[in-house]
Amino acid sequence: MKTIIVACGGGIATSQTVAVKLENLLQERGLGHKARIESININSLSTYIKSADIYVSITQVREGGYEIPVFSGIPFLTGVGANEELEKIIDVINS
């Protein structure tokens, strides 16, 4: 099972919205059992990223990146490009 963290500034509203949307989309595709999704505060990122497999960011991603795949959470808020971003996440889940 992969661990996905979704981070925004406060860790409450936006990240939770994206986490629920992503969870629903994965369940619709029969992949809900393959990932555990947590919404977090961006200030907790350095702690959570150590045990995560995928990072979905609502905020600007630091230059230099991370050791795990990083995806934008914005498409899940706007709907624009959500399917494309979801497919990329599914590829990592299935790898």
C-alpha atoms as a PDB file:
ATOM      1  CA  MET A   1       0.000   0.000   0.000  1.00  0.00           C
ATOM      2  CA  LYS A   2       1.324   3.424  -0.978  1.00  0.00           C
ATOM      3  CA  THR A   3       1.125   6.425   1.308  1.00  0.00           C
ATOM      4  CA  ILE A   4       0.089   9.687  -0.314  1.00  0.00           C
ATOM      5  CA  ILE A   5       0.427  12.977   1.528  1.00  0.00           C
ATOM      6  CA  VAL A   6      -1.448  16.077   0.434  1.00  0.00           C
ATOM      7  CA  ALA A   7      -0.094  19.325   1.874  1.00  0.00           C
ATOM      8  CA  CYS A   8      -1.383  22.872   1.946  1.00  0.00           C
ATOM      9  CA  GLY A   9      -0.684  25.892   4.114  1.00  0.00           C
ATOM     10  CA  GLY A  10      -3.062  25.022   6.934  1.00  0.00           C
ATOM     11  CA  GLY A  11      -3.533  21.284   6.472  1.00  0.00           C
ATOM     12  CA  ILE A  12      -7.270  21.574   6.917  1.00  0.00           C
ATOM     13  CA  ALA A  13      -9.478  22.836   4.132  1.00  0.00           C
ATOM     14  CA  THR A  14      -7.644  22.654   0.810  1.00  0.00           C
ATOM     15  CA  SER A  15      -5.509  19.602   1.460  1.00  0.00           C
ATOM     16  CA  GLN A  16      -8.490  17.771   2.953  1.00  0.00           C
ATOM     17  CA  THR A  17     -10.612  18.626  -0.091  1.00  0.00           C
ATOM     18  CA  VAL A  18      -7.953  17.296  -2.468  1.00  0.00           C
ATOM     19  CA  ALA A  19      -7.348  14.206  -0.327  1.00  0.00           C
ATOM     20  CA  VAL A  20     -11.052  13.302  -0.361  1.00  0.00           C
ATOM     21  CA  LYS A  21     -11.338  13.963  -4.100  1.00  0.00           C
ATOM     22  CA  LEU A  22      -8.268  11.831  -4.809  1.00  0.00           C
ATOM     23  CA  GLU A  23      -9.512   9.053  -2.536  1.00  0.00           C
ATOM     24  CA  ASN A  24     -12.888   9.034  -4.313  1.00  0.00           C
ATOM     25  CA  LEU A  25     -11.261   8.952  -7.749  1.00  0.00           C
ATOM     26  CA  LEU A  26      -9.030   6.036  -6.751  1.00  0.00           C
ATOM     27  CA  GLN A  27     -12.008   4.157  -5.307  1.00  0.00           C
ATOM     28  CA  GLU A  28     -13.976   4.724  -8.515  1.00  0.00           C
ATOM     29  CA  ARG A  29     -11.131   3.049 -10.392  1.00  0.00           C
ATOM     30  CA  GLY A  30     -10.936   0.142  -7.967  1.00  0.00           C
ATOM     31  CA  LEU A  31      -7.630   1.292  -6.493  1.00  0.00           C
ATOM     32  CA  GLY A  32      -8.786   2.542  -3.104  1.00  0.00           C
ATOM     33  CA  HIS A  33      -7.139  -0.398  -1.366  1.00  0.00           C
ATOM     34  CA  LYS A  34      -3.743   0.463  -2.874  1.00  0.00           C
ATOM     35  CA  ALA A  35      -3.251   3.873  -1.243  1.00  0.00           C
ATOM     36  CA  ARG A  36      -3.646   5.598   2.082  1.00  0.00           C
ATOM     37  CA  ILE A  37      -4.082   9.364   1.785  1.00  0.00           C
ATOM     38  CA  GLU A  38      -3.322  11.920   4.498  1.00  0.00           C
ATOM     39  CA  SER A  39      -3.826  15.669   4.437  1.00  0.00           C
ATOM     40  CA  ILE A  40      -1.148  17.578   6.311  1.00  0.00           C
ATOM     41  CA  ASN A  41       0.042  21.062   7.109  1.00  0.00           C
ATOM     42  CA  ILE A  42       2.985  22.188   4.970  1.00  0.00           C
ATOM     43  CA  ASN A  43       4.966  22.827   8.178  1.00  0.00           C
ATOM     44  CA  SER A  44       4.772  19.079   8.916  1.00  0.00           C
ATOM     45  CA  LEU A  45       6.019  18.071   5.477  1.00  0.00           C
ATOM     46  CA  SER A  46       9.588  17.300   6.559  1.00  0.00           C
ATOM     47  CA  THR A  47       8.255  14.736   9.051  1.00  0.00           C
ATOM     48  CA  TYR A  48       5.621  13.073   6.862  1.00  0.00           C
ATOM     49  CA  ILE A  49       7.603  12.964   3.624  1.00  0.00           C
ATOM     50  CA  LYS A  50      10.058  10.494   5.159  1.00  0.00           C
ATOM     51  CA  SER A  51       7.406   7.765   5.203  1.00  0.00           C
ATOM     52  CA  ALA A  52       5.396   8.802   2.128  1.00  0.00           C
ATOM     53  CA  ASP A  53       5.512   7.359  -1.375  1.00  0.00           C
ATOM     54  CA  ILE A  54       3.776  10.238  -3.173  1.00  0.00           C
ATOM     55  CA  TYR A  55       3.467  13.936  -2.394  1.00  0.00           C
ATOM     56  CA  VAL A  56       0.538  15.944  -3.788  1.00  0.00           C
ATOM     57  CA  SER A  57       1.286  19.621  -3.323  1.00  0.00           C
ATOM     58  CA  ILE A  58      -1.172  22.484  -3.106  1.00  0.00           C
ATOM     59  CA  THR A  59       1.637  24.963  -2.467  1.00  0.00           C
ATOM     60  CA  GLN A  60       4.727  25.847  -4.445  1.00  0.00           C
ATOM     61  CA  VAL A  61       7.217  22.975  -4.465  1.00  0.00           C
ATOM     62  CA  ARG A  62      10.699  23.824  -3.261  1.00  0.00           C
ATOM     63  CA  GLU A  63      13.445  23.951  -5.822  1.00  0.00           C
ATOM     64  CA  GLY A  64      15.556  20.820  -5.889  1.00  0.00           C
ATOM     65  CA  GLY A  65      12.550  18.600  -5.403  1.00  0.00           C
ATOM     66  CA  TYR A  66      12.107  15.615  -3.148  1.00  0.00           C
ATOM     67  CA  GLU A  67      13.151  11.983  -3.203  1.00  0.00           C
ATOM     68  CA  ILE A  68       9.580  10.859  -3.948  1.00  0.00           C
ATOM     69  CA  PRO A  69       7.296  11.718  -6.875  1.00  0.00           C
ATOM     70  CA  VAL A  70       5.547  15.075  -6.504  1.00  0.00           C
ATOM     71  CA  PHE A  71       2.267  15.970  -8.209  1.00  0.00           C
ATOM     72  CA  SER A  72       0.172  19.107  -8.294  1.00  0.00           C
ATOM     73  CA  GLY A  73      -3.042  19.103  -6.305  1.00  0.00           C
ATOM     74  CA  ILE A  74      -4.414  22.153  -8.116  1.00  0.00           C
ATOM     75  CA  PRO A  75      -6.012  20.096 -10.924  1.00  0.00           C
ATOM     76  CA  PHE A  76      -8.100  18.284  -8.314  1.00  0.00           C
ATOM     77  CA  LEU A  77      -9.419  21.637  -7.082  1.00  0.00           C
ATOM     78  CA  THR A  78     -10.124  23.147 -10.485  1.00  0.00           C
ATOM     79  CA  GLY A  79     -10.918  20.037 -12.499  1.00  0.00           C
ATOM     80  CA  VAL A  80      -8.562  21.226 -15.237  1.00  0.00           C
ATOM     81  CA  GLY A  81      -6.049  18.464 -15.930  1.00  0.00           C
ATOM     82  CA  ALA A  82      -7.292  16.279 -13.070  1.00  0.00           C
ATOM     83  CA  ASN A  83      -7.532  13.110 -15.175  1.00  0.00           C
ATOM     84  CA  GLU A  84      -4.015  13.551 -16.498  1.00  0.00           C
ATOM     85  CA  GLU A  85      -2.584  14.122 -13.012  1.00  0.00           C
ATOM     86  CA  LEU A  86      -4.581  11.170 -11.671  1.00  0.00           C
ATOM     87  CA  GLU A  87      -3.130   8.886 -14.351  1.00  0.00           C
ATOM     88  CA  LYS A  88       0.400   9.880 -13.338  1.00  0.00           C
ATOM     89  CA  ILE A  89      -0.394   9.115  -9.698  1.00  0.00           C
ATOM     90  CA  ILE A  90      -1.939   5.770 -10.648  1.00  0.00           C
ATOM     91  CA  ASP A  91       1.237   4.874 -12.548  1.00  0.00           C
ATOM     92  CA  VAL A  92       3.246   5.356  -9.352  1.00  0.00           C
ATOM     93  CA  ILE A  93       0.710   3.456  -7.256  1.00  0.00           C
ATOM     94  CA  ASN A  94       0.892   0.515  -9.640  1.00  0.00           C
ATOM     95  CA  SER A  95       4.701   0.505  -9.875  1.00  0.00           C
END
